[in-house]
Amino acid sequence: MPPRDRGQRRPHGPPGQDANEQLPWAIVYYKTPDGTVPVLEFLDDCPGTVDAQFTAVLDAVAAAPPPRFSGGGKWEAMHGTMGGWYEIRLTGPGREQLRLFCLLENGTSDELAKRGLPRPAIAVITGMRKPWRTVFSERDYQRVRELGREHQQNYPRRIAT
């Protein structure tokens, strides 16, 4: 399989959607002040099948949309210090655990417009991996939360689509 061009993702959402159907939520990727996109760097290091599975879960959640999506163990609301966050959980080769960390961008159309979003969106912030039967440290989660805070402080949001 040829490598994906760094930072290039296919558009999300079906074209020509019926006007009576609710549009799927947009899927956007957090971009750092220096222009890197942490989650795309993470996905570039994932096996192609895992990258495709992450895309499939994101598309399914966006189409549901998120408030109605039944996670099935792959899309989960987080708790404790990660309250307000969602993660996509996948298992890769050798039972390696791979995670994408997401925030929901919803609100009134005026609020969304101030953020530079045409409609509600799933903001994919970053990804992490860990060996099977291990846990992420509080320091790992702190890094994710810092990226999320930085993302939410920008008007309009600094994103890659």
Protein backbone atom coordinates (compact mmCIF):
# COMPACT_ATOMS: atom_id res chain seq x y z
CA MET A 1 0.00 0.00 0.00
CA PRO A 2 1.54 3.37 -0.95
CA PRO A 3 2.12 5.75 1.94
CA ARG A 4 -0.46 8.46 2.48
CA ASP A 5 0.74 11.99 1.80
CA ARG A 6 1.61 13.42 5.19
CA GLY A 7 -1.28 15.46 6.54
CA GLN A 8 -3.70 14.52 3.77
CA ARG A 9 -7.02 12.94 4.77
CA ARG A 10 -10.01 12.19 2.62
CA PRO A 11 -13.06 14.44 3.09
CA HIS A 12 -15.62 13.23 5.62
CA GLY A 13 -19.33 12.96 5.03
CA PRO A 14 -21.37 11.77 2.08
CA PRO A 15 -21.79 14.10 -0.88
CA GLY A 16 -25.28 15.07 -2.05
CA GLN A 17 -27.00 14.33 1.24
CA ASP A 18 -30.82 14.60 1.27
CA ALA A 19 -31.86 18.04 2.59
CA ASN A 20 -34.18 16.40 5.15
CA GLU A 21 -31.39 14.33 6.68
CA GLN A 22 -29.15 15.76 9.36
CA LEU A 23 -25.65 16.45 8.05
CA PRO A 24 -22.96 14.35 9.68
CA TRP A 25 -20.75 16.18 12.11
CA ALA A 26 -17.54 17.51 10.61
CA ILE A 27 -14.27 15.82 11.55
CA VAL A 28 -11.40 18.22 12.15
CA TYR A 29 -7.83 17.72 13.34
CA TYR A 30 -6.09 19.99 15.85
CA LYS A 31 -3.09 21.88 14.42
CA THR A 32 -0.32 23.18 16.70
CA PRO A 33 1.04 26.74 16.52
CA ASP A 34 3.97 25.46 14.43
CA GLY A 35 1.56 23.84 11.93
CA THR A 36 2.01 20.19 12.86
CA VAL A 37 -1.03 17.96 13.28
CA PRO A 38 -0.28 15.55 16.17
CA VAL A 39 -3.00 13.05 15.29
CA LEU A 40 -1.89 12.79 11.65
CA GLU A 41 1.67 12.14 12.79
CA PHE A 42 0.29 9.43 15.09
CA LEU A 43 -1.80 7.88 12.30
CA ASP A 44 1.17 7.94 9.91
CA ASP A 45 2.96 5.64 12.39
CA CYS A 46 0.00 3.23 12.67
CA PRO A 47 -0.40 0.17 10.46
CA GLY A 48 -2.63 0.97 7.46
CA THR A 49 -5.40 -1.31 8.72
CA VAL A 50 -5.51 0.51 12.07
CA ASP A 51 -5.59 3.91 10.34
CA ALA A 52 -8.53 2.65 8.23
CA GLN A 53 -10.34 1.38 11.34
CA PHE A 54 -9.92 4.76 13.06
CA THR A 55 -11.35 6.47 9.97
CA ALA A 56 -14.31 4.06 9.89
CA VAL A 57 -15.13 4.69 13.57
CA LEU A 58 -14.84 8.47 13.14
CA ASP A 59 -17.13 8.36 10.10
CA ALA A 60 -19.70 6.23 11.97
CA VAL A 61 -19.67 8.52 15.01
CA ALA A 62 -19.95 11.66 12.83
CA ALA A 63 -22.92 10.18 10.94
CA ALA A 64 -24.80 9.07 14.08
CA PRO A 65 -24.05 11.90 15.40
CA PRO A 66 -21.94 11.64 18.60
CA PRO A 67 -24.68 12.28 21.20
CA ARG A 68 -26.63 9.31 19.80
CA PHE A 69 -23.74 7.03 18.86
CA SER A 70 -23.57 3.73 20.72
CA GLY A 71 -19.87 3.15 21.17
CA GLY A 72 -19.68 -0.61 21.06
CA GLY A 73 -16.44 -0.36 23.01
CA LYS A 74 -14.67 1.64 20.30
CA TRP A 75 -16.05 5.14 21.05
CA GLU A 76 -16.15 5.85 24.76
CA ALA A 77 -16.78 8.87 26.96
CA MET A 78 -13.90 9.34 29.38
CA HIS A 79 -14.22 10.02 33.13
CA GLY A 80 -12.33 11.55 36.01
CA THR A 81 -9.61 14.02 34.99
CA MET A 82 -10.50 13.26 31.34
CA GLY A 83 -14.20 14.12 31.75
CA GLY A 84 -15.52 15.83 28.62
CA TRP A 85 -13.16 13.85 26.39
CA TYR A 86 -13.96 10.90 24.15
CA GLU A 87 -11.60 8.21 22.97
CA ILE A 88 -11.58 5.76 20.13
CA ARG A 89 -10.11 2.47 21.33
CA LEU A 90 -8.52 0.00 18.94
CA THR A 91 -6.24 -2.98 19.30
CA GLY A 92 -3.38 -3.33 16.86
CA PRO A 93 -0.87 -6.06 16.08
CA GLY A 94 0.50 -7.83 19.14
CA ARG A 95 -2.48 -6.54 21.15
CA GLU A 96 -0.99 -3.06 21.21
CA GLN A 97 -3.61 -0.57 22.43
CA LEU A 98 -4.11 2.50 20.23
CA ARG A 99 -6.22 5.51 21.19
CA LEU A 100 -7.45 8.71 19.57
CA PHE A 101 -8.52 11.51 21.92
CA CYS A 102 -11.40 13.72 20.78
CA LEU A 103 -13.43 16.71 21.90
CA LEU A 104 -16.92 17.57 20.69
CA GLU A 105 -17.42 21.01 19.16
CA ASN A 106 -21.11 21.84 19.36
CA GLY A 107 -23.20 24.88 20.19
CA THR A 108 -25.23 27.52 18.42
CA SER A 109 -24.46 28.40 14.82
CA ASP A 110 -22.99 31.72 16.04
CA GLU A 111 -20.68 29.93 18.50
CA LEU A 112 -19.60 27.47 15.81
CA ALA A 113 -18.98 30.32 13.34
CA LYS A 114 -16.69 32.08 15.89
CA ARG A 115 -14.71 28.83 16.09
CA GLY A 116 -14.49 28.66 12.29
CA LEU A 117 -16.71 25.59 12.05
CA PRO A 118 -19.63 25.28 9.60
CA ARG A 119 -21.45 22.75 11.78
CA PRO A 120 -20.86 20.66 14.91
CA ALA A 121 -17.57 18.79 14.74
CA ILE A 122 -15.49 16.06 16.29
CA ALA A 123 -12.09 17.61 17.02
CA VAL A 124 -9.47 14.88 16.96
CA ILE A 125 -6.64 16.16 19.12
CA THR A 126 -3.97 13.46 19.35
CA GLY A 127 -3.32 9.74 19.61
CA MET A 128 -1.32 7.48 21.88
CA ARG A 129 -0.37 3.83 22.03
CA LYS A 130 0.52 1.50 24.85
CA PRO A 131 1.31 -2.17 25.38
CA TRP A 132 -1.54 -4.51 26.27
CA ARG A 133 -2.53 -4.56 29.96
CA THR A 134 -0.77 -1.31 30.81
CA VAL A 135 -2.22 2.10 31.59
CA PHE A 136 -1.44 5.61 30.47
CA SER A 137 0.09 7.74 33.19
CA GLU A 138 -1.46 10.93 34.53
CA ARG A 139 1.42 12.73 32.79
CA ASP A 140 0.28 11.20 29.46
CA TYR A 141 -3.27 12.41 30.05
CA GLN A 142 -2.00 15.85 31.15
CA ARG A 143 -0.25 16.21 27.78
CA VAL A 144 -3.51 15.37 25.97
CA ARG A 145 -5.45 17.89 28.11
CA GLU A 146 -2.86 20.61 27.42
CA LEU A 147 -3.26 20.10 23.67
CA GLY A 148 -7.05 20.23 24.09
CA ARG A 149 -6.87 23.48 26.09
CA GLU A 150 -4.63 25.01 23.45
CA HIS A 151 -7.09 23.93 20.76
CA GLN A 152 -10.08 25.43 22.59
CA GLN A 153 -8.37 28.78 23.24
CA ASN A 154 -8.15 29.62 19.52
CA TYR A 155 -10.82 31.63 17.70
CA PRO A 156 -11.13 30.55 14.99
CA ARG A 157 -9.82 27.07 15.74
CA ARG A 158 -6.50 26.14 14.18
CA ILE A 159 -7.48 22.96 12.36
CA ALA A 160 -6.72 20.66 9.47
CA THR A 161 -9.70 18.96 7.80
